[in-house]
C-alpha cells in the first residue's frame, strides 16, 4: 500500500531554516507529481508547493515564494521541502501528498523565539 513518511520538522527561530523529507513507497513515485501542504491551528489546509514527476516544473503558494524550495530524488523515492527565512506564520503541520488521495502523517513545524 502507499506509504508517505515525513521527517525533519521541529522548533526553529524566526529567520531559521528546516528541510522536510517525505519518503514514499507503494506506488510509482517517479511517475507521480508530489505536493506539500500545511495546516495551521484553526485554519484550512493549504497547498504550499508542488513538483511534477520529473521535477521540471514547480509551483508555490504566494506566501512562500522565494523562501521555500521543493525538490525530489526519484532514485530515493523522496520529495523535499527546503524552508528558509522561516516566519512565525509558517507554523503548521506539514504533510506530503501523492495522487489519488494519499497523505503522510504530517510533521510539526514551529517557528518561535
PDB file of N, CA and C in Angstrom:
ATOM      1  N   UNK A   1       0.831  -1.173   0.000  1.00  0.00           N
ATOM      2  CA  UNK A   1       0.000   0.000   0.000  1.00  0.00           C
ATOM      3  C   UNK A   1       0.883   1.247   0.000  1.00  0.00           C
ATOM      4  N   UNK A   2       0.273   2.367  -0.323  1.00  0.00           N
ATOM      5  CA  UNK A   2       1.013   3.616  -0.375  1.00  0.00           C
ATOM      6  C   UNK A   2       1.410   4.044   1.034  1.00  0.00           C
ATOM      7  N   UNK A   3       2.682   4.414   1.171  1.00  0.00           N
ATOM      8  CA  UNK A   3       3.167   4.975   2.434  1.00  0.00           C
ATOM      9  C   UNK A   3       3.940   6.249   2.145  1.00  0.00           C
ATOM     10  N   UNK A   4       3.665   7.264   2.941  1.00  0.00           N
ATOM     11  CA  UNK A   4       4.376   8.541   2.866  1.00  0.00           C
ATOM     12  C   UNK A   4       4.811   8.885   4.283  1.00  0.00           C
ATOM     13  N   UNK A   5       6.107   8.994   4.497  1.00  0.00           N
ATOM     14  CA  UNK A   5       6.630   9.231   5.840  1.00  0.00           C
ATOM     15  C   UNK A   5       7.448  10.518   5.836  1.00  0.00           C
ATOM     16  N   UNK A   6       6.919  11.523   6.536  1.00  0.00           N
ATOM     17  CA  UNK A   6       7.610  12.803   6.612  1.00  0.00           C
ATOM     18  C   UNK A   6       8.579  12.831   7.788  1.00  0.00           C
ATOM     19  N   UNK A   7       9.601  13.654   7.647  1.00  0.00           N
ATOM     20  CA  UNK A   7      10.546  13.883   8.734  1.00  0.00           C
ATOM     21  C   UNK A   7      11.176  15.256   8.556  1.00  0.00           C
ATOM     22  N   UNK A   8      11.836  15.724   9.614  1.00  0.00           N
ATOM     23  CA  UNK A   8      12.574  16.976   9.514  1.00  0.00           C
ATOM     24  C   UNK A   8      11.935  18.169  10.184  1.00  0.00           C
ATOM     25  N   UNK A   9      10.738  18.004  10.714  1.00  0.00           N
ATOM     26  CA  UNK A   9      10.098  19.119  11.396  1.00  0.00           C
ATOM     27  C   UNK A   9      10.758  19.396  12.739  1.00  0.00           C
ATOM     28  N   UNK A  10      10.311  20.479  13.382  1.00  0.00           N
ATOM     29  CA  UNK A  10      10.862  20.818  14.680  1.00  0.00           C
ATOM     30  C   UNK A  10      10.608  22.266  15.031  1.00  0.00           C
ATOM     31  N   UNK A  11      11.313  22.707  16.062  1.00  0.00           N
ATOM     32  CA  UNK A  11      11.216  24.084  16.534  1.00  0.00           C
ATOM     33  C   UNK A  11      12.409  24.878  15.993  1.00  0.00           C
ATOM     34  N   UNK A  12      12.127  26.025  15.409  1.00  0.00           N
ATOM     35  CA  UNK A  12      13.186  26.854  14.841  1.00  0.00           C
ATOM     36  C   UNK A  12      12.863  28.317  15.123  1.00  0.00           C
ATOM     37  N   UNK A  13      13.888  29.120  15.253  1.00  0.00           N
ATOM     38  CA  UNK A  13      13.690  30.555  15.486  1.00  0.00           C
ATOM     39  C   UNK A  13      13.324  31.265  14.183  1.00  0.00           C
ATOM     40  N   UNK A  14      12.631  32.374  14.282  1.00  0.00           N
ATOM     41  CA  UNK A  14      12.357  33.160  13.072  1.00  0.00           C
ATOM     42  C   UNK A  14      13.642  33.473  12.323  1.00  0.00           C
ATOM     43  N   UNK A  15      13.567  33.344  10.997  1.00  0.00           N
ATOM     44  CA  UNK A  15      14.745  33.532  10.163  1.00  0.00           C
ATOM     45  C   UNK A  15      15.541  32.270   9.923  1.00  0.00           C
ATOM     46  N   UNK A  16      15.209  31.223  10.646  1.00  0.00           N
ATOM     47  CA  UNK A  16      15.933  29.967  10.509  1.00  0.00           C
ATOM     48  C   UNK A  16      15.477  29.132   9.329  1.00  0.00           C
ATOM     49  N   UNK A  17      16.067  27.942   9.230  1.00  0.00           N
ATOM     50  CA  UNK A  17      15.786  27.035   8.115  1.00  0.00           C
ATOM     51  C   UNK A  17      15.498  25.633   8.616  1.00  0.00           C
ATOM     52  N   UNK A  18      14.719  24.912   7.842  1.00  0.00           N
ATOM     53  CA  UNK A  18      14.473  23.487   8.049  1.00  0.00           C
ATOM     54  C   UNK A  18      14.341  22.833   6.688  1.00  0.00           C
ATOM     55  N   UNK A  19      14.686  21.548   6.629  1.00  0.00           N
ATOM     56  CA  UNK A  19      14.424  20.770   5.426  1.00  0.00           C
ATOM     57  C   UNK A  19      13.559  19.578   5.787  1.00  0.00           C
ATOM     58  N   UNK A  20      12.399  19.530   5.165  1.00  0.00           N
ATOM     59  CA  UNK A  20      11.496  18.404   5.348  1.00  0.00           C
ATOM     60  C   UNK A  20      11.749  17.356   4.273  1.00  0.00           C
ATOM     61  N   UNK A  21      11.573  16.103   4.656  1.00  0.00           N
ATOM     62  CA  UNK A  21      11.682  14.993   3.711  1.00  0.00           C
ATOM     63  C   UNK A  21      10.410  14.167   3.767  1.00  0.00           C
ATOM     64  N   UNK A  22      10.057  13.585   2.637  1.00  0.00           N
ATOM     65  CA  UNK A  22       8.921  12.665   2.567  1.00  0.00           C
ATOM     66  C   UNK A  22       9.361  11.442   1.780  1.00  0.00           C
ATOM     67  N   UNK A  23       9.506  10.330   2.476  1.00  0.00           N
ATOM     68  CA  UNK A  23       9.895   9.074   1.842  1.00  0.00           C
ATOM     69  C   UNK A  23       8.652   8.328   1.400  1.00  0.00           C
ATOM     70  N   UNK A  24       8.605   7.967   0.118  1.00  0.00           N
ATOM     71  CA  UNK A  24       7.412   7.352  -0.463  1.00  0.00           C
ATOM     72  C   UNK A  24       7.662   5.906  -0.845  1.00  0.00           C
ATOM     73  N   UNK A  25       6.607   5.108  -0.770  1.00  0.00           N
ATOM     74  CA  UNK A  25       6.667   3.718  -1.210  1.00  0.00           C
ATOM     75  C   UNK A  25       5.265   3.248  -1.570  1.00  0.00           C
ATOM     76  N   UNK A  26       5.212   2.152  -2.333  1.00  0.00           N
ATOM     77  CA  UNK A  26       3.924   1.551  -2.651  1.00  0.00           C
ATOM     78  C   UNK A  26       3.279   2.046  -3.925  1.00  0.00           C
ATOM     79  N   UNK A  27       3.958   2.920  -4.654  1.00  0.00           N
ATOM     80  CA  UNK A  27       3.434   3.395  -5.929  1.00  0.00           C
ATOM     81  C   UNK A  27       4.619   3.838  -6.785  1.00  0.00           C
ATOM     82  N   UNK A  28       4.331   4.159  -8.045  1.00  0.00           N
ATOM     83  CA  UNK A  28       5.399   4.545  -8.969  1.00  0.00           C
ATOM     84  C   UNK A  28       5.739   6.011  -8.747  1.00  0.00           C
ATOM     85  N   UNK A  29       6.639   6.246  -7.823  1.00  0.00           N
ATOM     86  CA  UNK A  29       6.978   7.598  -7.402  1.00  0.00           C
ATOM     87  C   UNK A  29       7.456   8.442  -8.581  1.00  0.00           C
ATOM     88  N   UNK A  30       8.290   7.876  -9.426  1.00  0.00           N
ATOM     89  CA  UNK A  30       8.912   8.655 -10.496  1.00  0.00           C
ATOM     90  C   UNK A  30       7.908   9.122 -11.541  1.00  0.00           C
ATOM     91  N   UNK A  31       6.704   8.573 -11.512  1.00  0.00           N
ATOM     92  CA  UNK A  31       5.667   8.976 -12.468  1.00  0.00           C
ATOM     93  C   UNK A  31       4.630   9.891 -11.836  1.00  0.00           C
ATOM     94  N   UNK A  32       4.839  10.267 -10.588  1.00  0.00           N
ATOM     95  CA  UNK A  32       3.813  10.986  -9.831  1.00  0.00           C
ATOM     96  C   UNK A  32       4.240  12.385  -9.458  1.00  0.00           C
ATOM     97  N   UNK A  33       3.362  13.365  -9.731  1.00  0.00           N
ATOM     98  CA  UNK A  33       3.566  14.682  -9.153  1.00  0.00           C
ATOM     99  C   UNK A  33       3.397  14.573  -7.639  1.00  0.00           C
ATOM    100  N   UNK A  34       4.122  15.396  -6.911  1.00  0.00           N
ATOM    101  CA  UNK A  34       4.053  15.374  -5.450  1.00  0.00           C
ATOM    102  C   UNK A  34       3.845  16.782  -4.922  1.00  0.00           C
ATOM    103  N   UNK A  35       3.228  16.855  -3.770  1.00  0.00           N
ATOM    104  CA  UNK A  35       2.920  18.162  -3.191  1.00  0.00           C
ATOM    105  C   UNK A  35       3.200  18.169  -1.698  1.00  0.00           C
ATOM    106  N   UNK A  36       3.420  19.369  -1.191  1.00  0.00           N
ATOM    107  CA  UNK A  36       3.454  19.618   0.244  1.00  0.00           C
ATOM    108  C   UNK A  36       2.280  20.540   0.585  1.00  0.00           C
ATOM    109  N   UNK A  37       1.580  20.185   1.640  1.00  0.00           N
ATOM    110  CA  UNK A  37       0.504  21.012   2.175  1.00  0.00           C
ATOM    111  C   UNK A  37       0.848  21.357   3.629  1.00  0.00           C
ATOM    112  N   UNK A  38       0.148  22.341   4.148  1.00  0.00           N
ATOM    113  CA  UNK A  38       0.281  22.638   5.566  1.00  0.00           C
ATOM    114  C   UNK A  38      -1.068  23.061   6.138  1.00  0.00           C
ATOM    115  N   UNK A  39      -1.207  22.830   7.441  1.00  0.00           N
ATOM    116  CA  UNK A  39      -2.415  23.253   8.137  1.00  0.00           C
ATOM    117  C   UNK A  39      -2.039  23.813   9.489  1.00  0.00           C
ATOM    118  N   UNK A  40      -2.370  25.074   9.674  1.00  0.00           N
ATOM    119  CA  UNK A  40      -2.131  25.738  10.948  1.00  0.00           C
ATOM    120  C   UNK A  40      -3.378  25.604  11.820  1.00  0.00           C
ATOM    121  N   UNK A  41      -3.226  25.718  13.135  1.00  0.00           N
ATOM    122  CA  UNK A  41      -4.384  25.593  14.028  1.00  0.00           C
ATOM    123  C   UNK A  41      -5.482  26.588  13.658  1.00  0.00           C
ATOM    124  N   UNK A  42      -6.699  26.069  13.518  1.00  0.00           N
ATOM    125  CA  UNK A  42      -7.836  26.925  13.227  1.00  0.00           C
ATOM    126  C   UNK A  42      -7.932  27.388  11.794  1.00  0.00           C
ATOM    127  N   UNK A  43      -7.050  26.895  10.937  1.00  0.00           N
ATOM    128  CA  UNK A  43      -7.068  27.324   9.535  1.00  0.00           C
ATOM    129  C   UNK A  43      -7.264  26.123   8.620  1.00  0.00           C
ATOM    130  N   UNK A  44      -7.660  26.399   7.392  1.00  0.00           N
ATOM    131  CA  UNK A  44      -7.817  25.338   6.406  1.00  0.00           C
ATOM    132  C   UNK A  44      -6.447  24.898   5.891  1.00  0.00           C
ATOM    133  N   UNK A  45      -6.420  23.659   5.462  1.00  0.00           N
ATOM    134  CA  UNK A  45      -5.190  23.146   4.856  1.00  0.00           C
ATOM    135  C   UNK A  45      -4.924  23.892   3.551  1.00  0.00           C
ATOM    136  N   UNK A  46      -3.665  24.224   3.302  1.00  0.00           N
ATOM    137  CA  UNK A  46      -3.315  24.957   2.088  1.00  0.00           C
ATOM    138  C   UNK A  46      -2.154  24.278   1.365  1.00  0.00           C
ATOM    139  N   UNK A  47      -2.191  24.396   0.047  1.00  0.00           N
ATOM    140  CA  UNK A  47      -1.107  23.876  -0.777  1.00  0.00           C
ATOM    141  C   UNK A  47       0.093  24.807  -0.645  1.00  0.00           C
ATOM    142  N   UNK A  48       1.225  24.234  -0.320  1.00  0.00           N
ATOM    143  CA  UNK A  48       2.454  25.006  -0.167  1.00  0.00           C
ATOM    144  C   UNK A  48       3.285  24.968  -1.446  1.00  0.00           C
ATOM    145  N   UNK A  49       3.489  23.753  -1.985  1.00  0.00           N
ATOM    146  CA  UNK A  49       4.339  23.610  -3.163  1.00  0.00           C
ATOM    147  C   UNK A  49       4.003  22.305  -3.865  1.00  0.00           C
ATOM    148  N   UNK A  50       4.262  22.290  -5.160  1.00  0.00           N
ATOM    149  CA  UNK A  50       4.014  21.099  -5.976  1.00  0.00           C
ATOM    150  C   UNK A  50       5.151  20.949  -6.969  1.00  0.00           C
ATOM    151  N   UNK A  51       5.468  19.689  -7.277  1.00  0.00           N
ATOM    152  CA  UNK A  51       6.534  19.407  -8.234  1.00  0.00           C
ATOM    153  C   UNK A  51       6.071  18.307  -9.169  1.00  0.00           C
ATOM    154  N   UNK A  52       6.348  18.465 -10.448  1.00  0.00           N
ATOM    155  CA  UNK A  52       5.971  17.446 -11.414  1.00  0.00           C
ATOM    156  C   UNK A  52       6.848  16.205 -11.282  1.00  0.00           C
ATOM    157  N   UNK A  53       6.468  15.149 -11.980  1.00  0.00           N
ATOM    158  CA  UNK A  53       7.126  13.850 -11.800  1.00  0.00           C
ATOM    159  C   UNK A  53       8.620  13.889 -12.084  1.00  0.00           C
ATOM    160  N   UNK A  54       9.018  14.624 -13.110  1.00  0.00           N
ATOM    161  CA  UNK A  54      10.437  14.710 -13.455  1.00  0.00           C
ATOM    162  C   UNK A  54      11.142  15.849 -12.728  1.00  0.00           C
ATOM    163  N   UNK A  55      10.373  16.638 -12.005  1.00  0.00           N
ATOM    164  CA  UNK A  55      10.963  17.746 -11.271  1.00  0.00           C
ATOM    165  C   UNK A  55      11.187  18.992 -12.100  1.00  0.00           C
ATOM    166  N   UNK A  56      10.649  19.017 -13.304  1.00  0.00           N
ATOM    167  CA  UNK A  56      10.940  20.127 -14.203  1.00  0.00           C
ATOM    168  C   UNK A  56      10.088  21.361 -13.935  1.00  0.00           C
ATOM    169  N   UNK A  57       8.936  21.161 -13.297  1.00  0.00           N
ATOM    170  CA  UNK A  57       8.046  22.291 -13.029  1.00  0.00           C
ATOM    171  C   UNK A  57       7.681  22.295 -11.552  1.00  0.00           C
ATOM    172  N   UNK A  58       7.849  23.449 -10.927  1.00  0.00           N
ATOM    173  CA  UNK A  58       7.472  23.617  -9.522  1.00  0.00           C
ATOM    174  C   UNK A  58       6.545  24.821  -9.391  1.00  0.00           C
ATOM    175  N   UNK A  59       5.617  24.726  -8.468  1.00  0.00           N
ATOM    176  CA  UNK A  59       4.725  25.840  -8.186  1.00  0.00           C
ATOM    177  C   UNK A  59       4.659  26.036  -6.675  1.00  0.00           C
ATOM    178  N   UNK A  60       4.395  27.277  -6.270  1.00  0.00           N
ATOM    179  CA  UNK A  60       4.426  27.638  -4.855  1.00  0.00           C
ATOM    180  C   UNK A  60       3.257  28.557  -4.496  1.00  0.00           C
ATOM    181  N   UNK A  61       2.856  28.459  -3.253  1.00  0.00           N
ATOM    182  CA  UNK A  61       1.931  29.448  -2.722  1.00  0.00           C
ATOM    183  C   UNK A  61       2.647  30.799  -2.670  1.00  0.00           C
ATOM    184  N   UNK A  62       1.884  31.858  -2.872  1.00  0.00           N
ATOM    185  CA  UNK A  62       2.489  33.189  -2.854  1.00  0.00           C
ATOM    186  C   UNK A  62       3.198  33.480  -1.533  1.00  0.00           C
ATOM    187  N   UNK A  63       2.661  32.931  -0.462  1.00  0.00           N
ATOM    188  CA  UNK A  63       3.203  33.211   0.865  1.00  0.00           C
ATOM    189  C   UNK A  63       4.587  32.625   1.098  1.00  0.00           C
ATOM    190  N   UNK A  64       5.012  31.663   0.267  1.00  0.00           N
ATOM    191  CA  UNK A  64       6.314  31.019   0.477  1.00  0.00           C
ATOM    192  C   UNK A  64       7.273  31.214  -0.687  1.00  0.00           C
ATOM    193  N   UNK A  65       6.822  31.859  -1.751  1.00  0.00           N
ATOM    194  CA  UNK A  65       7.683  32.062  -2.916  1.00  0.00           C
ATOM    195  C   UNK A  65       8.952  32.810  -2.525  1.00  0.00           C
ATOM    196  N   UNK A  66      10.071  32.297  -3.025  1.00  0.00           N
ATOM    197  CA  UNK A  66      11.356  32.922  -2.728  1.00  0.00           C
ATOM    198  C   UNK A  66      11.976  32.452  -1.428  1.00  0.00           C
ATOM    199  N   UNK A  67      11.213  31.722  -0.613  1.00  0.00           N
ATOM    200  CA  UNK A  67      11.739  31.242   0.673  1.00  0.00           C
ATOM    201  C   UNK A  67      11.797  29.717   0.726  1.00  0.00           C
ATOM    202  N   UNK A  68      10.846  29.055   0.098  1.00  0.00           N
ATOM    203  CA  UNK A  68      10.771  27.590   0.125  1.00  0.00           C
ATOM    204  C   UNK A  68      11.151  27.038  -1.251  1.00  0.00           C
ATOM    205  N   UNK A  69      11.736  25.852  -1.238  1.00  0.00           N
ATOM    206  CA  UNK A  69      12.076  25.150  -2.471  1.00  0.00           C
ATOM    207  C   UNK A  69      11.682  23.689  -2.360  1.00  0.00           C
ATOM    208  N   UNK A  70      10.881  23.241  -3.306  1.00  0.00           N
ATOM    209  CA  UNK A  70      10.524  21.817  -3.371  1.00  0.00           C
ATOM    210  C   UNK A  70      11.444  21.140  -4.368  1.00  0.00           C
ATOM    211  N   UNK A  71      11.866  19.930  -4.028  1.00  0.00           N
ATOM    212  CA  UNK A  71      12.721  19.154  -4.926  1.00  0.00           C
ATOM    213  C   UNK A  71      12.436  17.679  -4.703  1.00  0.00           C
ATOM    214  N   UNK A  72      12.998  16.849  -5.548  1.00  0.00           N
ATOM    215  CA  UNK A  72      12.786  15.414  -5.422  1.00  0.00           C
ATOM    216  C   UNK A  72      13.987  14.652  -5.907  1.00  0.00           C
ATOM    217  N   UNK A  73      14.120  13.433  -5.377  1.00  0.00           N
ATOM    218  CA  UNK A  73      15.144  12.499  -5.818  1.00  0.00           C
ATOM    219  C   UNK A  73      14.410  11.213  -6.178  1.00  0.00           C
ATOM    220  N   UNK A  74      14.205  10.983  -7.456  1.00  0.00           N
ATOM    221  CA  UNK A  74      13.436   9.817  -7.878  1.00  0.00           C
ATOM    222  C   UNK A  74      14.187   8.510  -7.625  1.00  0.00           C
ATOM    223  N   UNK A  75      15.497   8.569  -7.506  1.00  0.00           N
ATOM    224  CA  UNK A  75      16.263   7.367  -7.177  1.00  0.00           C
ATOM    225  C   UNK A  75      16.039   6.947  -5.728  1.00  0.00           C
ATOM    226  N   UNK A  76      15.691   7.921  -4.881  1.00  0.00           N
ATOM    227  CA  UNK A  76      15.458   7.629  -3.458  1.00  0.00           C
ATOM    228  C   UNK A  76      13.975   7.654  -3.092  1.00  0.00           C
ATOM    229  N   UNK A  77      13.113   7.876  -4.078  1.00  0.00           N
ATOM    230  CA  UNK A  77      11.664   7.954  -3.807  1.00  0.00           C
ATOM    231  C   UNK A  77      11.368   8.957  -2.696  1.00  0.00           C
ATOM    232  N   UNK A  78      11.987  10.113  -2.776  1.00  0.00           N
ATOM    233  CA  UNK A  78      11.868  11.098  -1.712  1.00  0.00           C
ATOM    234  C   UNK A  78      11.635  12.492  -2.301  1.00  0.00           C
ATOM    235  N   UNK A  79      10.735  13.224  -1.660  1.00  0.00           N
ATOM    236  CA  UNK A  79      10.499  14.619  -2.010  1.00  0.00           C
ATOM    237  C   UNK A  79      10.891  15.472  -0.803  1.00  0.00           C
ATOM    238  N   UNK A  80      11.435  16.642  -1.087  1.00  0.00           N
ATOM    239  CA  UNK A  80      11.953  17.519  -0.047  1.00  0.00           C
ATOM    240  C   UNK A  80      11.265  18.874  -0.082  1.00  0.00           C
ATOM    241  N   UNK A  81      11.307  19.545   1.048  1.00  0.00           N
ATOM    242  CA  UNK A  81      10.877  20.944   1.113  1.00  0.00           C
ATOM    243  C   UNK A  81      11.914  21.694   1.939  1.00  0.00           C
ATOM    244  N   UNK A  82      12.720  22.489   1.255  1.00  0.00           N
ATOM    245  CA  UNK A  82      13.696  23.338   1.935  1.00  0.00           C
ATOM    246  C   UNK A  82      13.013  24.643   2.295  1.00  0.00           C
ATOM    247  N   UNK A  83      13.022  24.968   3.572  1.00  0.00           N
ATOM    248  CA  UNK A  83      12.328  26.161   4.066  1.00  0.00           C
ATOM    249  C   UNK A  83      13.345  27.099   4.686  1.00  0.00           C
ATOM    250  N   UNK A  84      13.493  28.256   4.094  1.00  0.00           N
ATOM    251  CA  UNK A  84      14.426  29.279   4.581  1.00  0.00           C
ATOM    252  C   UNK A  84      13.655  30.512   5.026  1.00  0.00           C
ATOM    253  N   UNK A  85      14.331  31.363   5.776  1.00  0.00           N
ATOM    254  CA  UNK A  85      13.728  32.621   6.252  1.00  0.00           C
ATOM    255  C   UNK A  85      12.362  32.377   6.875  1.00  0.00           C
ATOM    256  N   UNK A  86      12.309  31.394   7.740  1.00  0.00           N
ATOM    257  CA  UNK A  86      11.030  30.999   8.329  1.00  0.00           C
ATOM    258  C   UNK A  86      10.444  32.107   9.199  1.00  0.00           C
ATOM    259  N   UNK A  87       9.119  32.182   9.174  1.00  0.00           N
ATOM    260  CA  UNK A  87       8.365  33.183   9.919  1.00  0.00           C
ATOM    261  C   UNK A  87       7.413  32.485  10.880  1.00  0.00           C
ATOM    262  N   UNK A  88       6.999  33.167  11.941  1.00  0.00           N
ATOM    263  CA  UNK A  88       6.033  32.544  12.859  1.00  0.00           C
ATOM    264  C   UNK A  88       4.767  32.067  12.150  1.00  0.00           C
ATOM    265  N   UNK A  89       4.357  32.753  11.123  1.00  0.00           N
ATOM    266  CA  UNK A  89       3.154  32.341  10.394  1.00  0.00           C
ATOM    267  C   UNK A  89       3.347  31.089   9.556  1.00  0.00           C
ATOM    268  N   UNK A  90       4.563  30.578   9.476  1.00  0.00           N
ATOM    269  CA  UNK A  90       4.805  29.291   8.813  1.00  0.00           C
ATOM    270  C   UNK A  90       4.534  28.119   9.750  1.00  0.00           C
ATOM    271  N   UNK A  91       4.262  28.396  11.008  1.00  0.00           N
ATOM    272  CA  UNK A  91       3.972  27.337  11.970  1.00  0.00           C
ATOM    273  C   UNK A  91       2.741  26.549  11.543  1.00  0.00           C
ATOM    274  N   UNK A  92       2.901  25.240  11.411  1.00  0.00           N
ATOM    275  CA  UNK A  92       1.810  24.377  10.926  1.00  0.00           C
ATOM    276  C   UNK A  92       2.282  22.926  10.945  1.00  0.00           C
ATOM    277  N   UNK A  93       1.337  22.040  10.707  1.00  0.00           N
ATOM    278  CA  UNK A  93       1.672  20.649  10.406  1.00  0.00           C
ATOM    279  C   UNK A  93       1.822  20.547   8.891  1.00  0.00           C
ATOM    280  N   UNK A  94       2.968  20.056   8.465  1.00  0.00           N
ATOM    281  CA  UNK A  94       3.269  19.931   7.042  1.00  0.00           C
ATOM    282  C   UNK A  94       3.123  18.467   6.630  1.00  0.00           C
ATOM    283  N   UNK A  95       2.386  18.248   5.546  1.00  0.00           N
ATOM    284  CA  UNK A  95       2.128  16.888   5.073  1.00  0.00           C
ATOM    285  C   UNK A  95       2.451  16.798   3.592  1.00  0.00           C
ATOM    286  N   UNK A  96       2.970  15.665   3.183  1.00  0.00           N
ATOM    287  CA  UNK A  96       3.146  15.451   1.751  1.00  0.00           C
ATOM    288  C   UNK A  96       1.948  14.695   1.203  1.00  0.00           C
ATOM    289  N   UNK A  97       1.732  14.907  -0.067  1.00  0.00           N
ATOM    290  CA  UNK A  97       0.555  14.354  -0.747  1.00  0.00           C
ATOM    291  C   UNK A  97       0.985  13.727  -2.068  1.00  0.00           C
ATOM    292  N   UNK A  98       0.455  12.511  -2.287  1.00  0.00           N
ATOM    293  CA  UNK A  98       0.648  11.816  -3.556  1.00  0.00           C
ATOM    294  C   UNK A  98      -0.710  11.664  -4.216  1.00  0.00           C
ATOM    295  N   UNK A  99      -0.739  11.484  -5.541  1.00  0.00           N
ATOM    296  CA  UNK A  99      -2.019  11.390  -6.238  1.00  0.00           C
ATOM    297  C   UNK A  99      -2.956  10.331  -5.675  1.00  0.00           C
ATOM    298  N   UNK A 100      -4.235  10.539  -5.941  1.00  0.00           N
ATOM    299  CA  UNK A 100      -5.307   9.619  -5.554  1.00  0.00           C
ATOM    300  C   UNK A 100      -5.550   9.615  -4.052  1.00  0.00           C
ATOM    301  N   UNK A 101      -5.319  10.778  -3.442  1.00  0.00           N
ATOM    302  CA  UNK A 101      -5.749  10.944  -2.058  1.00  0.00           C
ATOM    303  C   UNK A 101      -4.854  10.352  -1.005  1.00  0.00           C
ATOM    304  N   UNK A 102      -3.572  10.228  -1.292  1.00  0.00           N
ATOM    305  CA  UNK A 102      -2.645   9.640  -0.336  1.00  0.00           C
ATOM    306  C   UNK A 102      -1.878  10.706   0.427  1.00  0.00           C
ATOM    307  N   UNK A 103      -1.965  10.637   1.752  1.00  0.00           N
ATOM    308  CA  UNK A 103      -1.355  11.620   2.637  1.00  0.00           C
ATOM    309  C   UNK A 103      -0.377  10.962   3.594  1.00  0.00           C
ATOM    310  N   UNK A 104       0.655  11.718   3.952  1.00  0.00           N
ATOM    311  CA  UNK A 104       1.512  11.313   5.037  1.00  0.00           C
ATOM    312  C   UNK A 104       0.888  11.691   6.373  1.00  0.00           C
ATOM    313  N   UNK A 105       1.581  11.327   7.463  1.00  0.00           N
ATOM    314  CA  UNK A 105       1.028  11.584   8.783  1.00  0.00           C
ATOM    315  C   UNK A 105       1.274  13.022   9.237  1.00  0.00           C
ATOM    316  N   UNK A 106       2.179  13.702   8.582  1.00  0.00           N
ATOM    317  CA  UNK A 106       2.473  15.092   8.897  1.00  0.00           C
ATOM    318  C   UNK A 106       3.632  15.241   9.864  1.00  0.00           C
ATOM    319  N   UNK A 107       4.281  16.392   9.781  1.00  0.00           N
ATOM    320  CA  UNK A 107       5.360  16.729  10.700  1.00  0.00           C
ATOM    321  C   UNK A 107       5.167  18.172  11.157  1.00  0.00           C
ATOM    322  N   UNK A 108       5.322  18.397  12.447  1.00  0.00           N
ATOM    323  CA  UNK A 108       5.064  19.716  13.018  1.00  0.00           C
ATOM    324  C   UNK A 108       6.263  20.632  12.792  1.00  0.00           C
ATOM    325  N   UNK A 109       5.975  21.816  12.303  1.00  0.00           N
ATOM    326  CA  UNK A 109       6.980  22.872  12.196  1.00  0.00           C
ATOM    327  C   UNK A 109       6.509  24.042  13.060  1.00  0.00           C
ATOM    328  N   UNK A 110       7.345  24.439  14.003  1.00  0.00           N
ATOM    329  CA  UNK A 110       7.022  25.559  14.886  1.00  0.00           C
ATOM    330  C   UNK A 110       8.119  26.607  14.767  1.00  0.00           C
ATOM    331  N   UNK A 111       7.715  27.817  14.423  1.00  0.00           N
ATOM    332  CA  UNK A 111       8.662  28.920  14.277  1.00  0.00           C
ATOM    333  C   UNK A 111       8.382  29.920  15.400  1.00  0.00           C
ATOM    334  N   UNK A 112       9.308  29.974  16.333  1.00  0.00           N
ATOM    335  CA  UNK A 112       9.094  30.804  17.516  1.00  0.00           C
ATOM    336  C   UNK A 112      10.425  31.139  18.169  1.00  0.00           C
ATOM    337  N   UNK A 113      10.479  32.310  18.777  1.00  0.00           N
ATOM    338  CA  UNK A 113      11.674  32.692  19.523  1.00  0.00           C
ATOM    339  C   UNK A 113      11.514  32.325  20.994  1.00  0.00           C
TER     340      UNK A 113
END
